[in-house]
Protein backbone atom coordinates (compact mmCIF):
# COMPACT_ATOMS: atom_id res chain seq x y z
CA ILE A 1 215.70 -72.04 42.55
CA ILE A 2 212.80 -74.05 43.97
CA GLY A 3 213.15 -74.24 47.73
CA THR A 4 212.58 -72.06 50.78
CA GLY A 5 210.47 -69.35 49.17
CA ILE A 6 207.74 -71.75 48.14
CA PHE A 7 208.08 -74.45 50.80
CA VAL A 8 208.54 -72.13 53.79
CA LEU A 9 207.76 -68.45 53.22
CA SER A 10 204.73 -68.64 50.92
CA GLY A 11 202.39 -69.35 53.84
CA HIS A 12 203.49 -66.36 55.88
CA ALA A 13 203.28 -64.09 52.84
CA ALA A 14 199.71 -65.23 52.18
CA GLY A 15 198.57 -65.39 55.79
CA GLN A 16 199.94 -62.07 57.01
CA ASN A 17 200.45 -59.91 53.95
CA ALA A 18 198.60 -60.63 50.73
CA GLY A 19 195.99 -63.35 51.16
CA PRO A 20 195.14 -65.10 47.86
CA ALA A 21 196.72 -62.11 46.07
CA VAL A 22 200.08 -63.68 46.93
CA ILE A 23 199.69 -64.99 43.38
CA ILE A 24 200.33 -61.43 42.14
CA SER A 25 203.25 -61.14 44.57
CA PHE A 26 204.96 -64.11 42.91
CA ILE A 27 204.60 -62.41 39.52
CA ILE A 28 206.14 -59.16 40.82
CA ALA A 29 209.04 -60.99 42.46
CA GLY A 30 209.59 -63.06 39.32
CA PHE A 31 209.73 -59.95 37.13
CA ALA A 32 212.26 -58.31 39.47
CA SER A 33 214.37 -61.48 39.39
CA ALA A 34 214.32 -61.61 35.59
CA LEU A 35 215.69 -58.07 35.37
CA ALA A 36 218.38 -58.86 37.94
CA ALA A 37 219.32 -62.02 36.06
CA LEU A 38 219.90 -60.12 32.82
CA SER A 39 222.18 -57.57 34.49
CA TYR A 40 223.98 -60.30 36.44
CA SER A 41 224.58 -62.20 33.20
CA GLU A 42 226.33 -59.25 31.59
CA LEU A 43 228.74 -58.98 34.52
CA ALA A 44 229.22 -62.75 34.61
CA THR A 45 230.38 -62.93 31.01
CA MET A 46 232.73 -59.94 31.22
CA ILE A 47 235.49 -61.99 32.85
CA PRO A 48 236.73 -65.37 31.56
CA VAL A 49 236.34 -67.29 34.80
CA ALA A 50 233.50 -68.92 36.67
CA GLY A 51 232.66 -67.26 39.95
CA SER A 52 230.13 -65.44 42.08
CA ALA A 53 228.82 -61.90 42.41
CA TYR A 54 231.82 -61.12 44.63
CA THR A 55 234.29 -62.19 41.94
CA TYR A 56 232.50 -60.39 39.12
CA THR A 57 232.11 -57.19 41.12
CA TYR A 58 235.77 -57.22 42.17
CA ALA A 59 236.85 -57.55 38.57
CA THR A 60 234.49 -54.95 37.14
CA MET A 61 233.83 -52.35 39.84
CA GLY A 62 236.79 -52.63 42.17
CA GLU A 63 237.54 -53.77 45.67
CA PHE A 64 235.28 -51.57 47.78
CA VAL A 65 232.08 -52.43 45.92
CA ALA A 66 233.17 -56.08 45.91
CA TRP A 67 233.58 -55.88 49.68
CA ILE A 68 230.01 -54.58 50.00
CA ILE A 69 228.73 -57.43 47.84
CA GLY A 70 230.81 -60.03 49.69
CA TRP A 71 229.77 -58.79 53.13
CA ASP A 72 226.16 -58.75 51.93
CA LEU A 73 226.50 -62.33 50.66
CA ILE A 74 227.79 -63.41 54.07
CA LEU A 75 224.51 -62.13 55.54
CA GLU A 76 222.44 -63.67 52.75
CA TYR A 77 223.97 -67.14 53.05
CA ALA A 78 224.09 -67.30 56.85
CA VAL A 79 220.61 -65.95 57.55
CA GLY A 80 219.27 -67.79 54.51
CA ALA A 81 220.54 -71.14 55.81
CA ALA A 82 219.00 -70.40 59.22
CA THR A 83 215.67 -69.59 57.54
CA VAL A 84 215.70 -72.90 55.70
CA ALA A 85 216.60 -74.75 58.90
CA VAL A 86 213.51 -73.36 60.66
CA GLY A 87 211.37 -74.55 57.76
CA TRP A 88 213.16 -77.92 57.72
CA SER A 89 212.31 -78.38 61.39
CA ALA A 90 208.65 -77.62 60.74
CA TYR A 91 208.45 -80.20 57.93
CA PHE A 92 210.30 -82.68 60.15
CA SER A 93 207.59 -82.30 62.80
CA LYS A 94 204.80 -82.44 60.19
CA PHE A 95 206.16 -85.70 58.78
CA PHE A 96 206.17 -87.45 62.14
CA ALA A 97 202.78 -85.97 63.00
CA ALA A 98 201.40 -87.48 59.78
CA CYS A 99 202.85 -90.81 60.91
CA GLY A 100 201.14 -90.50 64.29
CA VAL A 101 204.12 -89.24 66.31
CA ASP A 102 203.72 -85.75 67.77
CA PHE A 103 206.69 -83.78 69.04
CA SER A 104 206.33 -81.01 71.57
CA ASN A 105 206.82 -77.46 70.29
CA SER A 106 209.08 -76.90 73.28
CA TRP A 107 212.04 -78.40 71.42
CA THR A 108 210.99 -78.18 67.75
CA ALA A 109 210.13 -74.49 67.40
CA PRO A 110 212.15 -71.30 67.99
CA PRO A 111 211.48 -69.56 71.31
CA LEU A 112 211.45 -66.09 69.76
CA ALA A 113 208.71 -64.63 67.57
CA TRP A 114 208.25 -61.44 65.58
CA ASN A 115 205.33 -59.17 66.49
CA GLU A 116 204.21 -57.26 63.39
CA THR A 117 202.22 -54.75 65.43
CA THR A 118 204.93 -53.72 67.87
CA GLN A 119 207.80 -54.44 65.44
CA ALA A 120 209.62 -56.26 68.21
CA VAL A 121 210.87 -59.74 69.09
CA THR A 122 208.79 -61.53 71.73
CA VAL A 123 209.41 -64.70 73.74
CA GLN A 124 207.10 -67.64 73.07
CA SER A 125 205.89 -69.27 76.27
CA GLY A 126 206.73 -72.99 76.44
CA GLN A 127 209.12 -72.94 73.46
CA TYR A 128 212.79 -73.27 74.36
CA PHE A 129 214.92 -74.38 71.43
CA ASN A 130 214.52 -75.50 67.82
CA LEU A 131 216.51 -78.71 68.19
CA PRO A 132 215.87 -80.25 64.72
CA GLY A 133 216.91 -77.00 63.03
CA PHE A 134 220.05 -76.83 65.15
CA LEU A 135 220.96 -80.46 64.50
CA ILE A 136 220.50 -80.42 60.72
CA ILE A 137 222.89 -77.47 60.39
CA THR A 138 225.37 -79.09 62.78
CA ILE A 139 225.36 -82.37 60.85
CA LEU A 140 225.80 -80.65 57.47
CA THR A 141 228.59 -78.48 58.88
CA ILE A 142 230.46 -81.60 60.00
CA LEU A 143 230.03 -83.09 56.53
CA LEU A 144 231.42 -79.92 54.95
CA VAL A 145 234.45 -79.94 57.25
CA ILE A 146 235.15 -83.59 56.44
CA GLY A 147 234.74 -82.82 52.77
CA ILE A 148 231.75 -83.06 50.49
CA ARG A 149 231.84 -81.99 46.88
CA GLU A 150 229.10 -80.63 44.74
CA SER A 151 227.83 -83.22 42.28
CA ALA A 152 226.01 -82.12 39.17
CA PHE A 153 224.24 -85.48 39.07
CA VAL A 154 223.08 -85.31 42.69
CA ASN A 155 222.00 -81.69 42.26
CA ASN A 156 220.01 -82.60 39.16
CA VAL A 157 218.32 -85.48 40.99
CA ILE A 158 217.34 -83.19 43.87
CA VAL A 159 216.02 -80.53 41.47
CA ILE A 160 213.91 -83.14 39.69
CA LEU A 161 212.68 -84.42 43.07
CA LYS A 162 211.58 -80.92 44.10
CA LEU A 163 209.82 -80.40 40.78
CA VAL A 164 208.02 -83.73 41.12
CA VAL A 165 206.94 -82.93 44.68
CA VAL A 166 205.56 -79.54 43.64
CA MET A 167 203.71 -81.13 40.72
CA ILE A 168 202.29 -83.87 42.96
CA PHE A 169 201.05 -81.21 45.36
CA ILE A 170 199.50 -79.10 42.60
CA PHE A 171 197.65 -81.95 40.90
CA GLY A 172 197.05 -84.00 44.05
CA ALA A 173 195.42 -81.18 46.02
CA ALA A 174 193.72 -79.24 43.20
CA LYS A 175 190.45 -81.22 43.43
CA TRP A 176 189.98 -79.98 47.02
CA ILE A 177 190.04 -76.31 46.06
CA ASN A 178 187.11 -74.35 47.47
CA PRO A 179 186.48 -71.16 45.43
CA ALA A 180 185.09 -69.48 48.56
CA ASN A 181 188.63 -69.36 49.95
CA TYR A 182 189.58 -66.84 47.25
CA ASP A 183 187.07 -64.30 48.55
CA PRO A 184 188.29 -61.67 49.13
CA PHE A 185 191.13 -62.06 46.67
CA VAL A 186 192.80 -58.92 48.03
CA PRO A 187 191.87 -58.79 51.72
CA PRO A 188 191.24 -55.23 52.92
CA ASN A 189 193.66 -53.49 55.23
CA THR A 190 191.89 -53.06 58.55
CA THR A 191 194.82 -52.49 60.91
CA GLY A 192 196.37 -49.33 59.50
CA ASP A 193 199.64 -51.18 58.90
CA TRP A 194 200.04 -51.04 55.14
CA HIS A 195 202.16 -54.21 55.19
CA GLU A 196 199.06 -56.18 56.14
CA PHE A 197 196.86 -56.86 53.11
CA GLY A 198 195.58 -54.40 50.55
CA VAL A 199 197.88 -53.25 47.74
CA GLY A 200 200.72 -52.59 50.19
CA GLY A 201 200.47 -56.15 51.43
CA ILE A 202 200.93 -57.50 47.90
CA PHE A 203 204.28 -55.70 47.58
CA ALA A 204 205.30 -56.63 51.13
CA ALA A 205 204.63 -60.28 50.24
CA ALA A 206 206.63 -59.90 47.01
CA GLN A 207 209.61 -58.75 49.09
CA GLN A 208 209.30 -61.80 51.36
CA ILE A 209 208.90 -64.40 48.65
CA PHE A 210 211.71 -62.88 46.59
CA PHE A 211 213.63 -65.56 48.47
CA ALA A 212 211.91 -68.06 46.16
CA TYR A 213 213.87 -66.81 43.15
CA ILE A 214 217.34 -66.77 44.69
CA GLY A 215 219.47 -69.27 42.79
CA PHE A 216 219.26 -68.20 39.15
CA ASP A 217 222.94 -67.20 39.41
CA ALA A 218 223.75 -70.90 39.06
CA VAL A 219 223.03 -70.44 35.35
CA THR A 220 225.29 -67.42 34.98
CA THR A 221 228.11 -69.02 36.97
CA ALA A 222 228.62 -71.48 34.12
CA ALA A 223 228.25 -68.75 31.52
CA MET A 224 231.67 -69.12 29.98
CA GLU A 225 231.17 -72.86 29.51
CA SER A 226 228.27 -72.14 27.21
CA LYS A 227 228.88 -72.58 23.48
CA ASP A 228 226.85 -69.49 22.62
CA PRO A 229 226.40 -67.20 25.68
CA PRO A 230 224.35 -64.51 23.87
CA ARG A 231 221.82 -67.18 22.93
CA ASP A 232 222.06 -69.70 25.75
CA LEU A 233 222.10 -67.33 28.74
CA PRO A 234 218.75 -65.61 28.07
CA VAL A 235 217.14 -68.96 27.32
CA GLY A 236 218.57 -70.58 30.45
CA ILE A 237 217.84 -67.71 32.81
CA ILE A 238 214.48 -66.52 31.54
CA GLY A 239 213.38 -70.09 30.82
CA SER A 240 214.12 -71.25 34.36
CA LEU A 241 212.45 -68.19 35.86
CA VAL A 242 209.33 -68.59 33.70
CA ILE A 243 209.00 -72.27 34.63
CA CYS A 244 209.47 -71.51 38.32
CA THR A 245 207.05 -68.58 38.23
CA VAL A 246 204.36 -70.74 36.60
CA LEU A 247 204.89 -73.46 39.22
CA TYR A 248 204.87 -70.89 42.03
CA ILE A 249 201.64 -69.34 40.80
CA ALA A 250 200.00 -72.76 40.47
CA THR A 251 201.21 -73.70 43.95
CA ALA A 252 199.87 -70.43 45.39
CA VAL A 253 196.51 -71.02 43.69
CA VAL A 254 196.22 -74.46 45.28
CA LEU A 255 197.67 -73.33 48.62
CA THR A 256 195.12 -70.56 49.11
CA GLY A 257 192.33 -72.60 47.54
CA VAL A 258 192.33 -75.73 49.70
CA ALA A 259 192.26 -73.74 52.96
CA ASN A 260 191.65 -70.17 54.06
CA TYR A 261 194.80 -68.06 53.85
CA THR A 262 194.63 -67.22 57.57
CA LEU A 263 195.56 -70.84 58.35
CA TYR A 264 199.11 -70.19 57.12
CA ALA A 265 199.80 -66.95 59.03
CA ASN A 266 202.48 -68.39 61.32
CA ASP A 267 203.18 -71.68 59.56
CA PRO A 268 206.75 -72.42 58.34
CA ALA A 269 205.52 -75.59 56.57
CA PRO A 270 202.52 -74.34 54.56
CA ILE A 271 202.69 -76.92 51.77
CA ALA A 272 202.45 -79.77 54.29
CA THR A 273 199.59 -77.99 56.06
CA ALA A 274 197.71 -77.53 52.79
CA ALA A 275 198.30 -81.18 51.86
CA GLY A 276 196.99 -82.19 55.29
CA ALA A 277 193.90 -80.02 54.79
CA THR A 278 192.87 -82.31 51.93
CA GLY A 279 192.62 -85.24 54.33
CA GLN A 280 194.91 -87.30 52.10
CA MET A 281 197.61 -88.68 54.37
CA TRP A 282 199.65 -90.09 51.49
CA LEU A 283 199.83 -86.65 49.89
CA GLN A 284 201.04 -85.01 53.09
CA ILE A 285 203.72 -87.65 53.65
CA ILE A 286 205.06 -87.46 50.07
CA VAL A 287 205.09 -83.67 50.04
CA THR A 288 206.78 -83.51 53.44
CA LEU A 289 209.51 -86.02 52.54
CA GLY A 290 210.21 -84.24 49.27
CA ALA A 291 210.39 -80.88 51.04
CA LEU A 292 212.82 -82.29 53.62
CA ALA A 293 215.13 -83.60 50.90
CA GLY A 294 214.97 -80.37 48.93
CA LEU A 295 215.49 -78.10 51.93
CA THR A 296 218.44 -80.20 53.10
CA SER A 297 220.18 -79.57 49.78
CA VAL A 298 219.45 -75.84 50.05
CA ILE A 299 221.02 -75.63 53.53
CA LEU A 300 224.08 -77.52 52.29
CA ILE A 301 224.55 -75.22 49.29
CA LEU A 302 224.14 -72.07 51.40
CA LEU A 303 226.64 -73.26 54.01
CA LEU A 304 229.07 -74.24 51.27
CA GLY A 305 228.66 -70.87 49.56
CA GLN A 306 229.19 -69.07 52.85
CA SER A 307 232.50 -70.78 53.56
CA ARG A 308 233.63 -70.07 49.99
CA ILE A 309 232.90 -66.37 50.40
CA PHE A 310 234.99 -66.25 53.58
CA TYR A 311 237.77 -68.23 51.88
CA SER A 312 237.83 -66.01 48.79
CA MET A 313 237.82 -62.75 50.74
CA ALA A 314 240.62 -64.05 52.97
CA LYS A 315 242.68 -65.10 49.92
CA ASP A 316 242.28 -61.57 48.58
CA GLY A 317 243.51 -60.18 51.91
CA LEU A 318 240.20 -58.59 52.88
CA LEU A 319 239.77 -60.91 55.87
CA PRO A 320 242.41 -62.49 58.14
CA SER A 321 244.41 -65.23 56.41
CA THR A 322 243.22 -67.70 59.06
CA PHE A 323 239.94 -67.94 57.15
CA ALA A 324 241.84 -69.20 54.10
CA LYS A 325 243.65 -72.02 55.91
CA LEU A 326 242.78 -75.53 54.79
CA HIS A 327 242.41 -78.49 57.12
CA PRO A 328 245.66 -80.52 57.01
CA ARG A 329 243.78 -83.77 56.44
CA PHE A 330 240.49 -82.91 54.73
CA ARG A 331 241.79 -79.93 52.69
CA THR A 332 238.68 -77.89 53.42
CA PRO A 333 238.39 -74.30 54.75
CA TYR A 334 237.39 -75.66 58.13
CA LEU A 335 237.51 -72.49 60.24
CA PRO A 336 234.98 -70.42 58.24
CA THR A 337 232.87 -73.56 57.84
CA ILE A 338 232.74 -74.15 61.61
CA ILE A 339 232.08 -70.48 62.41
CA THR A 340 229.36 -70.28 59.78
CA GLY A 341 227.76 -73.50 61.01
CA LEU A 342 227.79 -72.42 64.65
CA VAL A 343 226.31 -68.96 64.03
CA THR A 344 223.72 -70.29 61.58
CA ALA A 345 222.69 -73.13 63.89
CA ILE A 346 222.12 -70.70 66.77
CA LEU A 347 220.09 -68.35 64.56
CA GLY A 348 217.96 -71.24 63.30
CA ALA A 349 217.42 -72.55 66.82
CA LEU A 350 216.24 -69.26 68.30
CA PHE A 351 214.70 -66.98 65.68
CA PRO A 352 211.42 -67.19 63.69
CA VAL A 353 211.28 -67.85 59.98
CA ASP A 354 209.66 -64.54 58.98
CA LEU A 355 212.30 -62.42 60.71
CA LEU A 356 215.15 -64.38 59.13
CA GLY A 357 213.54 -64.58 55.70
CA ASN A 358 212.96 -60.83 55.50
CA MET A 359 216.61 -60.09 56.22
CA THR A 360 217.73 -62.53 53.53
CA SER A 361 215.47 -60.97 50.90
CA VAL A 362 216.52 -57.40 51.74
CA GLY A 363 220.19 -58.37 51.64
CA THR A 364 219.75 -60.03 48.25
CA LEU A 365 217.83 -57.07 46.84
CA LEU A 366 220.63 -54.76 47.96
CA ALA A 367 223.18 -56.90 46.11
CA PHE A 368 221.05 -56.90 42.96
CA PHE A 369 220.66 -53.12 43.15
CA LEU A 370 224.45 -52.79 43.06
CA VAL A 371 224.65 -55.20 40.12
CA HIS A 372 222.17 -53.08 38.12
CA VAL A 373 224.10 -49.90 38.93
CA GLY A 374 227.34 -51.63 37.97
CA VAL A 375 226.02 -52.54 34.52
CA LEU A 376 224.99 -48.92 33.91
CA ILE A 377 228.35 -47.51 35.01
CA LEU A 378 230.52 -50.02 33.16
CA ARG A 379 228.74 -49.58 29.83
CA PHE A 380 230.01 -45.99 29.80
CA THR A 381 233.32 -46.27 31.70
CA ARG A 382 234.61 -49.55 30.21
CA PRO A 383 233.02 -50.03 26.78
CA ASP A 384 236.26 -51.75 25.70
CA ILE A 385 235.70 -54.86 27.82
CA PRO A 386 234.31 -57.74 25.72
CA ARG A 387 230.78 -58.73 26.65
CA PRO A 388 229.71 -62.13 25.26
CA PHE A 389 226.27 -61.32 26.64
CA LYS A 390 224.74 -57.86 26.84
CA VAL A 391 221.52 -56.65 28.40
CA PRO A 392 219.33 -56.56 25.27
CA GLY A 393 218.03 -53.41 23.60
CA PRO A 394 218.94 -51.24 20.59
CA GLY A 395 220.61 -47.89 21.12
CA LEU A 396 220.21 -46.70 24.68
CA SER A 397 217.03 -48.70 25.26
CA TRP A 398 219.11 -51.36 27.06
CA MET A 399 219.24 -48.92 29.98
CA ILE A 400 215.59 -49.69 30.73
CA VAL A 401 216.52 -53.07 32.23
CA PRO A 402 219.11 -51.96 34.83
CA ILE A 403 217.24 -48.72 35.66
CA LEU A 404 213.91 -50.49 36.12
CA GLY A 405 215.62 -53.35 37.95
CA ALA A 406 217.37 -50.97 40.35
CA ALA A 407 214.10 -49.09 40.94
CA ILE A 408 212.15 -52.26 41.72
CA SER A 409 214.92 -53.45 44.04
CA VAL A 410 214.71 -50.17 45.97
CA LEU A 411 210.90 -50.38 46.03
CA LEU A 412 210.89 -53.90 47.47
CA ILE A 413 213.49 -52.91 50.06
CA ALA A 414 211.38 -49.88 50.97
CA VAL A 415 208.25 -51.97 51.61
CA SER A 416 210.12 -54.09 54.16
CA ASP A 417 209.49 -53.31 57.78
CA VAL A 418 211.75 -50.54 59.04
CA THR A 419 213.48 -52.69 61.65
CA THR A 420 214.57 -55.22 59.02
CA ILE A 421 216.09 -52.44 56.92
CA TRP A 422 217.92 -51.06 59.95
CA ARG A 423 219.26 -54.52 60.82
CA VAL A 424 220.62 -55.00 57.30
CA PHE A 425 222.22 -51.56 57.21
CA ALA A 426 223.65 -52.07 60.69
CA TRP A 427 225.29 -55.22 59.35
CA MET A 428 226.67 -53.25 56.41
CA GLY A 429 227.95 -50.62 58.85
CA ILE A 430 229.88 -53.31 60.69
CA GLY A 431 231.26 -54.37 57.32
CA PHE A 432 232.57 -50.88 56.60
CA ILE A 433 234.35 -50.85 59.95
CA VAL A 434 235.97 -54.22 59.23
CA TYR A 435 237.01 -53.13 55.74
CA PHE A 436 238.59 -49.81 56.69
CA SER A 437 240.26 -51.20 59.80
CA PHE A 438 241.62 -54.37 58.16
CA GLY A 439 240.72 -55.19 54.56
CA PHE A 440 241.84 -51.91 53.02
CA TRP A 441 245.30 -52.22 54.60
CA HIS A 442 245.86 -55.91 53.85
CA SER A 443 244.47 -56.17 50.32
CA LYS A 444 246.65 -58.28 48.02
CA ILE A 445 245.34 -56.64 44.85
CA ASN A 446 245.23 -53.02 43.82
CA THR A 447 241.85 -51.55 44.73
CA ASP A 448 241.59 -49.94 41.32
CA PRO A 449 238.92 -51.83 39.30
CA TYR A 450 241.02 -51.82 36.12
CA SER A 451 243.81 -53.67 37.90
CA ALA A 452 241.24 -55.97 39.44
CA PHE A 453 239.90 -56.82 35.99
CA GLU A 454 243.36 -57.79 34.81
CA ALA A 455 243.82 -59.89 37.95
CA ALA A 456 240.59 -61.73 37.30
CA ALA A 457 241.58 -62.36 33.71
CA THR A 458 244.67 -64.15 34.97
CA GLN A 459 242.70 -65.77 37.81
CA GLU A 460 244.68 -64.01 40.55
CA ILE A 461 241.50 -63.17 42.41
CA ALA A 462 240.24 -66.06 44.53
CA VAL A 463 237.41 -67.52 42.47
CA LEU A 464 234.45 -69.14 44.19
């Protein structure tokens, strides 16, 4: 879970939306994620295979809703990887700057910027191309085409590394906190744009940093491997979210305490900037190296997940079969991997981190909204399906979780800037056109959700 939200987007959320009150924003986002995780877990344990939201939705709610989720995930993974790449580039530059080597912004920062006032993209003078961001995605794409497998050991090492880096930052920079930087804790809104500070800014920041909690589904993906899902899932999900929320809050306290929040307004590497503000070069170097390693793993996982989504949807007939072809030598889905890498690299090279991050968060919130609705519907339409894990609550009180979760998802989407919402829904509109012009007519499985459930039970649906 620990990655882009804290290493990249926390600075923008504090500097342009919430100020020191970004601490409250992390709590709101964490609560929304906990509700989503509970609903997601119920869907995850309803079918006896490991998979993703696309697989679970296909099996429980049918093909059309699964298409919406899958198309949404394509946006989430692609734009998410581009967001991380922009942050990776910023930490790359910060590391060399700490070592006495300064790179020009002309080739290390995206040429486009997002103007909050005019709600429009502007061109940055003297900035042409984010070369480090482009190259890191290109290199990882090549590795994925050649063939690289997920390793539980390597993933665990990287997770531990990220935790250690965050802890080093918290304890290493805490002594340089200046209480004056917390005043005002909730900066007043003086522009008339309710996204900028005040109470509205707190919720706008929560929507942005929701990105920080993406990843809890890794726990639910292995749900059926658990010895006791009803016991282990809540502990694993809520436990991981509580730990991350505590670390995020502590990081936000230090981040906004060592320097004034305005310093981070347009900074895609806020943790490195805060470490540098302490004057401790060793701290900045360690934090920057750790962030680079952690963000590299996040990009890799997102690119891998993206190609798997394409592959699965193509295997189910919803996309052209070309996307399901494996490389004759490397046995990898090379075409979707190359397309994903190319598009993502271009996005990361040209667009700013805040614009990309907002789209990722809105897309994810939309997917979680559908998951909450799915849990509500299936409890009444398919009570016969075994559920090793259920959203807790006696009687009908369990409905509080999906209803509240759906409401918070809608609220956080609503506080996004209007242009971001339109971009996401335009993407979904394109998805509907693709589905009704191709996917609907080439589907290999009956679109009826009951048939889809049976297919999943026998693993006929392409599982991620």
